[in-house]
Amino acid sequence: MIDTATAVAVQLLYGRQSHAIDSGRAAEWAATFTGDGVFDSPSYPEPEVGTAALTAFAQRFSDSAADAQERRRHVITNLAIDRVADDELTVDCYLQIVATPRGGDTRIVRLTAVHDRVVLRDGRWLIANRTVSRDDT
């Protein structure tokens, strides 16, 4: 069972993480992962591992949106949070990435399912491992 404080903390983590990557704050997004955190998505050629790689990944995401002259948003829904241990959770959720070109119509870029291992470090919940699966595969 997840207590209310933990559920709220996880919700805030995911909200802040989405706002960070969508606003081009790459280092802030990477800091939502552990120092050796893993981001593994079939949308990209290789998993990103560690703070430096995660920061570079988030910066590339921001740069590609700017190059395309569009605003991209991460929309996370349907969080299911399960306790594994006092300091570890699993979180499953859905993630839509939507894009709006300047002067254009919004479109869904991807709909994915996310499975995270989230750990408590120094009083903060951080993502240790993220595995993304695309709905089109």
N, C-alpha and C. Protein backbone atom coordinates (compact mmCIF):
# COMPACT_ATOMS: atom_id res chain seq x y z
N MET A 1 0.84 -1.18 0.00
CA MET A 1 0.00 0.00 0.00
C MET A 1 0.89 1.25 0.00
N ILE A 2 0.50 2.21 -0.78
CA ILE A 2 1.23 3.47 -0.87
C ILE A 2 0.51 4.52 -0.04
N ASP A 3 1.26 5.17 0.82
CA ASP A 3 0.67 6.25 1.62
C ASP A 3 0.50 7.49 0.77
N THR A 4 -0.34 8.37 1.23
CA THR A 4 -0.66 9.58 0.48
C THR A 4 0.57 10.44 0.22
N ALA A 5 1.43 10.60 1.20
CA ALA A 5 2.63 11.44 1.02
C ALA A 5 3.52 10.89 -0.08
N THR A 6 3.68 9.58 -0.13
CA THR A 6 4.51 8.98 -1.18
C THR A 6 3.85 9.17 -2.55
N ALA A 7 2.55 8.94 -2.63
CA ALA A 7 1.84 9.12 -3.89
C ALA A 7 1.97 10.55 -4.41
N VAL A 8 1.83 11.51 -3.52
CA VAL A 8 1.96 12.92 -3.92
C VAL A 8 3.39 13.22 -4.36
N ALA A 9 4.37 12.71 -3.63
CA ALA A 9 5.78 12.95 -3.99
C ALA A 9 6.08 12.38 -5.38
N VAL A 10 5.57 11.22 -5.68
CA VAL A 10 5.81 10.61 -6.99
C VAL A 10 5.10 11.42 -8.08
N GLN A 11 3.87 11.83 -7.83
CA GLN A 11 3.15 12.67 -8.79
C GLN A 11 3.93 13.94 -9.09
N LEU A 12 4.45 14.57 -8.04
CA LEU A 12 5.23 15.80 -8.23
C LEU A 12 6.52 15.53 -9.00
N LEU A 13 7.17 14.41 -8.71
CA LEU A 13 8.39 14.04 -9.45
C LEU A 13 8.10 13.95 -10.94
N TYR A 14 7.03 13.26 -11.31
CA TYR A 14 6.71 13.07 -12.72
C TYR A 14 6.28 14.38 -13.38
N GLY A 15 5.55 15.19 -12.66
CA GLY A 15 5.17 16.50 -13.21
C GLY A 15 6.37 17.39 -13.43
N ARG A 16 7.25 17.47 -12.43
CA ARG A 16 8.44 18.32 -12.57
C ARG A 16 9.36 17.80 -13.67
N GLN A 17 9.45 16.47 -13.77
CA GLN A 17 10.29 15.89 -14.80
C GLN A 17 9.77 16.26 -16.20
N SER A 18 8.47 16.16 -16.40
CA SER A 18 7.89 16.50 -17.70
C SER A 18 8.10 17.98 -18.03
N HIS A 19 7.86 18.84 -17.06
CA HIS A 19 8.06 20.27 -17.30
C HIS A 19 9.52 20.58 -17.60
N ALA A 20 10.45 19.89 -16.94
CA ALA A 20 11.87 20.16 -17.17
C ALA A 20 12.28 19.81 -18.59
N ILE A 21 11.95 18.61 -19.06
CA ILE A 21 12.39 18.24 -20.42
C ILE A 21 11.67 19.07 -21.47
N ASP A 22 10.41 19.39 -21.24
CA ASP A 22 9.65 20.17 -22.22
C ASP A 22 10.10 21.63 -22.27
N SER A 23 10.74 22.10 -21.22
CA SER A 23 11.19 23.50 -21.15
C SER A 23 12.68 23.65 -21.44
N GLY A 24 13.34 22.58 -21.84
CA GLY A 24 14.75 22.66 -22.19
C GLY A 24 15.69 22.67 -21.00
N ARG A 25 15.21 22.28 -19.82
CA ARG A 25 16.07 22.25 -18.64
C ARG A 25 16.63 20.83 -18.48
N ALA A 26 17.61 20.54 -19.35
CA ALA A 26 18.13 19.18 -19.48
C ALA A 26 18.76 18.67 -18.19
N ALA A 27 19.57 19.47 -17.55
CA ALA A 27 20.23 19.02 -16.31
C ALA A 27 19.21 18.77 -15.21
N GLU A 28 18.18 19.59 -15.15
CA GLU A 28 17.13 19.40 -14.15
C GLU A 28 16.38 18.08 -14.41
N TRP A 29 16.11 17.78 -15.70
CA TRP A 29 15.46 16.52 -16.04
C TRP A 29 16.34 15.34 -15.64
N ALA A 30 17.62 15.41 -15.98
CA ALA A 30 18.54 14.32 -15.65
C ALA A 30 18.65 14.12 -14.14
N ALA A 31 18.52 15.19 -13.37
CA ALA A 31 18.63 15.10 -11.91
C ALA A 31 17.43 14.39 -11.27
N THR A 32 16.40 14.06 -12.05
CA THR A 32 15.29 13.28 -11.52
C THR A 32 15.60 11.79 -11.54
N PHE A 33 16.76 11.44 -12.09
CA PHE A 33 17.26 10.06 -12.11
C PHE A 33 18.39 9.93 -11.09
N THR A 34 18.67 8.70 -10.67
CA THR A 34 19.87 8.46 -9.86
C THR A 34 21.10 8.74 -10.73
N GLY A 35 22.25 8.89 -10.09
CA GLY A 35 23.48 9.17 -10.83
C GLY A 35 23.82 8.13 -11.87
N ASP A 36 23.39 6.90 -11.64
CA ASP A 36 23.62 5.83 -12.61
C ASP A 36 22.31 5.39 -13.27
N GLY A 37 21.35 6.30 -13.29
CA GLY A 37 20.02 5.99 -13.82
C GLY A 37 20.05 5.59 -15.28
N VAL A 38 19.04 4.81 -15.66
CA VAL A 38 18.95 4.27 -17.02
C VAL A 38 17.63 4.70 -17.64
N PHE A 39 17.70 5.18 -18.88
CA PHE A 39 16.53 5.48 -19.70
C PHE A 39 16.63 4.61 -20.94
N ASP A 40 15.69 3.68 -21.09
CA ASP A 40 15.74 2.71 -22.19
C ASP A 40 14.43 2.76 -22.95
N SER A 41 14.49 3.24 -24.20
CA SER A 41 13.31 3.38 -25.04
C SER A 41 13.61 2.88 -26.44
N PRO A 42 12.70 2.11 -27.04
CA PRO A 42 12.93 1.65 -28.40
C PRO A 42 12.87 2.78 -29.44
N SER A 43 12.46 3.97 -29.02
CA SER A 43 12.45 5.12 -29.93
C SER A 43 13.86 5.64 -30.22
N TYR A 44 14.82 5.18 -29.43
CA TYR A 44 16.20 5.67 -29.55
C TYR A 44 17.14 4.47 -29.68
N PRO A 45 18.31 4.67 -30.30
CA PRO A 45 19.16 3.53 -30.63
C PRO A 45 19.73 2.76 -29.44
N GLU A 46 20.07 3.44 -28.37
CA GLU A 46 20.72 2.81 -27.21
C GLU A 46 20.16 3.38 -25.92
N PRO A 47 20.19 2.61 -24.83
CA PRO A 47 19.82 3.19 -23.53
C PRO A 47 20.79 4.32 -23.15
N GLU A 48 20.26 5.29 -22.44
CA GLU A 48 21.08 6.37 -21.89
C GLU A 48 21.33 6.03 -20.43
N VAL A 49 22.59 6.07 -20.01
CA VAL A 49 22.96 5.64 -18.66
C VAL A 49 23.83 6.71 -18.01
N GLY A 50 23.43 7.17 -16.82
CA GLY A 50 24.21 8.12 -16.06
C GLY A 50 23.84 9.56 -16.35
N THR A 51 24.20 10.42 -15.43
CA THR A 51 23.78 11.83 -15.48
C THR A 51 24.23 12.53 -16.75
N ALA A 52 25.47 12.36 -17.16
CA ALA A 52 25.96 13.06 -18.35
C ALA A 52 25.18 12.64 -19.60
N ALA A 53 24.97 11.34 -19.76
CA ALA A 53 24.25 10.85 -20.94
C ALA A 53 22.79 11.28 -20.91
N LEU A 54 22.18 11.25 -19.73
CA LEU A 54 20.78 11.67 -19.60
C LEU A 54 20.61 13.16 -19.90
N THR A 55 21.57 13.96 -19.44
CA THR A 55 21.53 15.40 -19.71
C THR A 55 21.66 15.66 -21.21
N ALA A 56 22.59 14.99 -21.85
CA ALA A 56 22.79 15.16 -23.29
C ALA A 56 21.55 14.71 -24.06
N PHE A 57 20.93 13.61 -23.64
CA PHE A 57 19.71 13.13 -24.28
C PHE A 57 18.61 14.19 -24.19
N ALA A 58 18.39 14.73 -23.00
CA ALA A 58 17.34 15.73 -22.82
C ALA A 58 17.63 16.99 -23.63
N GLN A 59 18.90 17.35 -23.74
CA GLN A 59 19.26 18.52 -24.55
C GLN A 59 18.98 18.26 -26.03
N ARG A 60 19.27 17.05 -26.50
CA ARG A 60 18.97 16.71 -27.91
C ARG A 60 17.46 16.77 -28.16
N PHE A 61 16.67 16.30 -27.19
CA PHE A 61 15.21 16.37 -27.32
C PHE A 61 14.77 17.82 -27.50
N SER A 62 15.28 18.69 -26.65
CA SER A 62 14.93 20.11 -26.72
C SER A 62 15.40 20.74 -28.02
N ASP A 63 16.62 20.44 -28.42
CA ASP A 63 17.18 20.99 -29.66
C ASP A 63 16.38 20.55 -30.88
N SER A 64 15.95 19.28 -30.90
CA SER A 64 15.21 18.78 -32.07
C SER A 64 13.84 19.46 -32.16
N ALA A 65 13.23 19.75 -31.02
CA ALA A 65 11.96 20.47 -31.04
C ALA A 65 12.16 21.89 -31.57
N ALA A 66 13.22 22.54 -31.12
CA ALA A 66 13.51 23.89 -31.59
C ALA A 66 13.81 23.89 -33.08
N ASP A 67 14.58 22.92 -33.53
CA ASP A 67 14.91 22.82 -34.96
C ASP A 67 13.65 22.61 -35.80
N ALA A 68 12.69 21.86 -35.27
CA ALA A 68 11.43 21.60 -35.98
C ALA A 68 10.43 22.74 -35.81
N GLN A 69 10.80 23.73 -35.03
CA GLN A 69 9.93 24.87 -34.73
C GLN A 69 8.58 24.40 -34.18
N GLU A 70 8.68 23.53 -33.19
CA GLU A 70 7.47 23.05 -32.54
C GLU A 70 7.68 22.94 -31.04
N ARG A 71 6.58 22.98 -30.33
CA ARG A 71 6.59 22.77 -28.89
C ARG A 71 6.18 21.33 -28.64
N ARG A 72 6.98 20.62 -27.85
CA ARG A 72 6.67 19.23 -27.52
C ARG A 72 6.34 19.13 -26.04
N ARG A 73 5.38 18.30 -25.74
CA ARG A 73 4.92 18.12 -24.36
C ARG A 73 4.85 16.63 -24.04
N HIS A 74 5.28 16.31 -22.83
CA HIS A 74 5.10 14.98 -22.26
C HIS A 74 3.85 15.02 -21.38
N VAL A 75 2.90 14.13 -21.67
CA VAL A 75 1.66 14.07 -20.91
C VAL A 75 1.60 12.69 -20.26
N ILE A 76 1.77 12.66 -18.94
CA ILE A 76 1.80 11.40 -18.20
C ILE A 76 0.45 11.21 -17.51
N THR A 77 -0.10 10.00 -17.66
CA THR A 77 -1.39 9.69 -17.05
C THR A 77 -1.37 8.30 -16.44
N ASN A 78 -2.41 8.02 -15.67
CA ASN A 78 -2.70 6.68 -15.16
C ASN A 78 -1.54 6.07 -14.38
N LEU A 79 -0.96 6.85 -13.46
CA LEU A 79 0.12 6.31 -12.64
C LEU A 79 -0.38 5.21 -11.72
N ALA A 80 0.30 4.08 -11.75
CA ALA A 80 0.06 2.97 -10.83
C ALA A 80 1.35 2.77 -10.04
N ILE A 81 1.29 3.04 -8.75
CA ILE A 81 2.47 3.03 -7.90
C ILE A 81 2.39 1.85 -6.95
N ASP A 82 3.44 1.04 -6.93
CA ASP A 82 3.48 -0.12 -6.03
C ASP A 82 4.77 -0.09 -5.22
N ARG A 83 4.65 -0.39 -3.95
CA ARG A 83 5.82 -0.43 -3.07
C ARG A 83 6.51 -1.78 -3.20
N VAL A 84 7.82 -1.73 -3.40
CA VAL A 84 8.65 -2.93 -3.43
C VAL A 84 9.34 -3.10 -2.08
N ALA A 85 9.82 -1.98 -1.54
CA ALA A 85 10.48 -1.94 -0.23
C ALA A 85 10.28 -0.54 0.32
N ASP A 86 10.75 -0.31 1.55
CA ASP A 86 10.60 1.03 2.14
C ASP A 86 11.20 2.11 1.25
N ASP A 87 12.26 1.77 0.54
CA ASP A 87 12.98 2.76 -0.27
C ASP A 87 12.91 2.46 -1.77
N GLU A 88 11.92 1.68 -2.20
CA GLU A 88 11.82 1.33 -3.62
C GLU A 88 10.37 1.14 -4.04
N LEU A 89 10.06 1.68 -5.21
CA LEU A 89 8.72 1.59 -5.79
C LEU A 89 8.84 1.14 -7.24
N THR A 90 7.75 0.62 -7.77
CA THR A 90 7.60 0.53 -9.22
C THR A 90 6.47 1.46 -9.60
N VAL A 91 6.64 2.10 -10.73
CA VAL A 91 5.62 3.01 -11.24
C VAL A 91 5.38 2.65 -12.70
N ASP A 92 4.12 2.39 -13.02
CA ASP A 92 3.70 2.17 -14.39
C ASP A 92 2.76 3.30 -14.76
N CYS A 93 2.92 3.82 -15.98
CA CYS A 93 2.07 4.91 -16.43
C CYS A 93 2.05 4.94 -17.94
N TYR A 94 1.17 5.78 -18.46
CA TYR A 94 1.12 6.03 -19.90
C TYR A 94 1.75 7.39 -20.16
N LEU A 95 2.44 7.49 -21.29
CA LEU A 95 3.07 8.74 -21.68
C LEU A 95 2.72 9.04 -23.13
N GLN A 96 2.11 10.19 -23.32
CA GLN A 96 1.90 10.71 -24.67
C GLN A 96 2.91 11.81 -24.91
N ILE A 97 3.49 11.81 -26.08
CA ILE A 97 4.29 12.95 -26.50
C ILE A 97 3.50 13.63 -27.61
N VAL A 98 3.19 14.89 -27.38
CA VAL A 98 2.44 15.66 -28.36
C VAL A 98 3.31 16.82 -28.84
N ALA A 99 3.06 17.21 -30.08
CA ALA A 99 3.85 18.30 -30.68
C ALA A 99 2.90 19.28 -31.35
N THR A 100 3.22 20.56 -31.19
CA THR A 100 2.46 21.62 -31.83
C THR A 100 3.43 22.50 -32.61
N PRO A 101 3.39 22.45 -33.94
CA PRO A 101 4.24 23.35 -34.72
C PRO A 101 3.71 24.78 -34.63
N ARG A 102 4.61 25.73 -34.76
CA ARG A 102 4.17 27.13 -34.73
C ARG A 102 3.13 27.35 -35.82
N GLY A 103 1.95 27.81 -35.40
CA GLY A 103 0.87 28.09 -36.33
C GLY A 103 0.17 26.84 -36.86
N GLY A 104 0.48 25.67 -36.28
CA GLY A 104 -0.09 24.44 -36.81
C GLY A 104 -0.94 23.70 -35.80
N ASP A 105 -1.40 22.55 -36.21
CA ASP A 105 -2.26 21.71 -35.37
C ASP A 105 -1.43 20.77 -34.51
N THR A 106 -1.91 20.53 -33.32
CA THR A 106 -1.26 19.60 -32.40
C THR A 106 -1.48 18.18 -32.89
N ARG A 107 -0.42 17.36 -32.74
CA ARG A 107 -0.53 15.96 -33.12
C ARG A 107 0.12 15.09 -32.04
N ILE A 108 -0.34 13.87 -31.94
CA ILE A 108 0.30 12.92 -31.04
C ILE A 108 1.49 12.31 -31.78
N VAL A 109 2.66 12.43 -31.19
CA VAL A 109 3.88 11.88 -31.77
C VAL A 109 4.01 10.41 -31.41
N ARG A 110 3.79 10.09 -30.14
CA ARG A 110 3.89 8.72 -29.64
C ARG A 110 2.96 8.53 -28.46
N LEU A 111 2.48 7.30 -28.33
CA LEU A 111 1.81 6.88 -27.12
C LEU A 111 2.59 5.68 -26.61
N THR A 112 3.04 5.76 -25.37
CA THR A 112 3.91 4.73 -24.82
C THR A 112 3.43 4.32 -23.43
N ALA A 113 3.96 3.19 -23.00
CA ALA A 113 3.81 2.75 -21.61
C ALA A 113 5.19 2.85 -20.97
N VAL A 114 5.21 3.31 -19.75
CA VAL A 114 6.47 3.50 -19.01
C VAL A 114 6.45 2.60 -17.78
N HIS A 115 7.57 1.93 -17.56
CA HIS A 115 7.74 1.14 -16.34
C HIS A 115 9.02 1.64 -15.67
N ASP A 116 8.89 2.16 -14.46
CA ASP A 116 10.02 2.73 -13.73
C ASP A 116 10.28 1.99 -12.43
N ARG A 117 11.56 1.91 -12.10
CA ARG A 117 11.97 1.53 -10.74
C ARG A 117 12.41 2.83 -10.10
N VAL A 118 11.75 3.19 -9.01
CA VAL A 118 11.97 4.47 -8.34
C VAL A 118 12.51 4.18 -6.95
N VAL A 119 13.57 4.90 -6.57
CA VAL A 119 14.22 4.64 -5.29
C VAL A 119 14.31 5.93 -4.47
N LEU A 120 14.35 5.75 -3.16
CA LEU A 120 14.47 6.88 -2.23
C LEU A 120 15.94 7.08 -1.91
N ARG A 121 16.46 8.28 -2.24
CA ARG A 121 17.85 8.63 -1.99
C ARG A 121 17.90 9.99 -1.30
N ASP A 122 18.46 10.03 -0.11
CA ASP A 122 18.59 11.29 0.63
C ASP A 122 17.26 12.05 0.73
N GLY A 123 16.19 11.30 0.99
CA GLY A 123 14.89 11.91 1.18
C GLY A 123 14.14 12.27 -0.09
N ARG A 124 14.70 11.92 -1.27
CA ARG A 124 14.06 12.24 -2.56
C ARG A 124 13.81 10.96 -3.34
N TRP A 125 12.64 10.88 -3.96
CA TRP A 125 12.37 9.78 -4.88
C TRP A 125 13.00 10.11 -6.22
N LEU A 126 13.78 9.15 -6.75
CA LEU A 126 14.47 9.32 -8.03
C LEU A 126 14.25 8.07 -8.88
N ILE A 127 14.32 8.25 -10.17
CA ILE A 127 14.15 7.13 -11.08
C ILE A 127 15.49 6.44 -11.27
N ALA A 128 15.54 5.16 -10.95
CA ALA A 128 16.76 4.37 -11.13
C ALA A 128 16.80 3.72 -12.50
N ASN A 129 15.62 3.32 -12.98
CA ASN A 129 15.56 2.65 -14.28
C ASN A 129 14.21 2.91 -14.91
N ARG A 130 14.23 3.39 -16.15
CA ARG A 130 13.00 3.62 -16.91
C ARG A 130 13.05 2.77 -18.17
N THR A 131 12.00 1.98 -18.36
CA THR A 131 11.84 1.20 -19.58
C THR A 131 10.55 1.66 -20.25
N VAL A 132 10.69 2.09 -21.49
CA VAL A 132 9.56 2.60 -22.27
C VAL A 132 9.21 1.56 -23.33
N SER A 133 7.92 1.34 -23.53
CA SER A 133 7.49 0.51 -24.65
C SER A 133 6.50 1.31 -25.48
N ARG A 134 6.71 1.26 -26.78
CA ARG A 134 5.84 1.98 -27.69
C ARG A 134 4.60 1.16 -28.01
N ASP A 135 3.49 1.85 -28.19
CA ASP A 135 2.25 1.15 -28.52
C ASP A 135 2.24 0.61 -29.96
N ASP A 136 3.14 1.12 -30.80
CA ASP A 136 3.15 0.67 -32.19
C ASP A 136 4.12 -0.50 -32.44
N THR A 137 4.67 -1.06 -31.36
CA THR A 137 5.57 -2.19 -31.55
C THR A 137 5.07 -3.40 -30.80
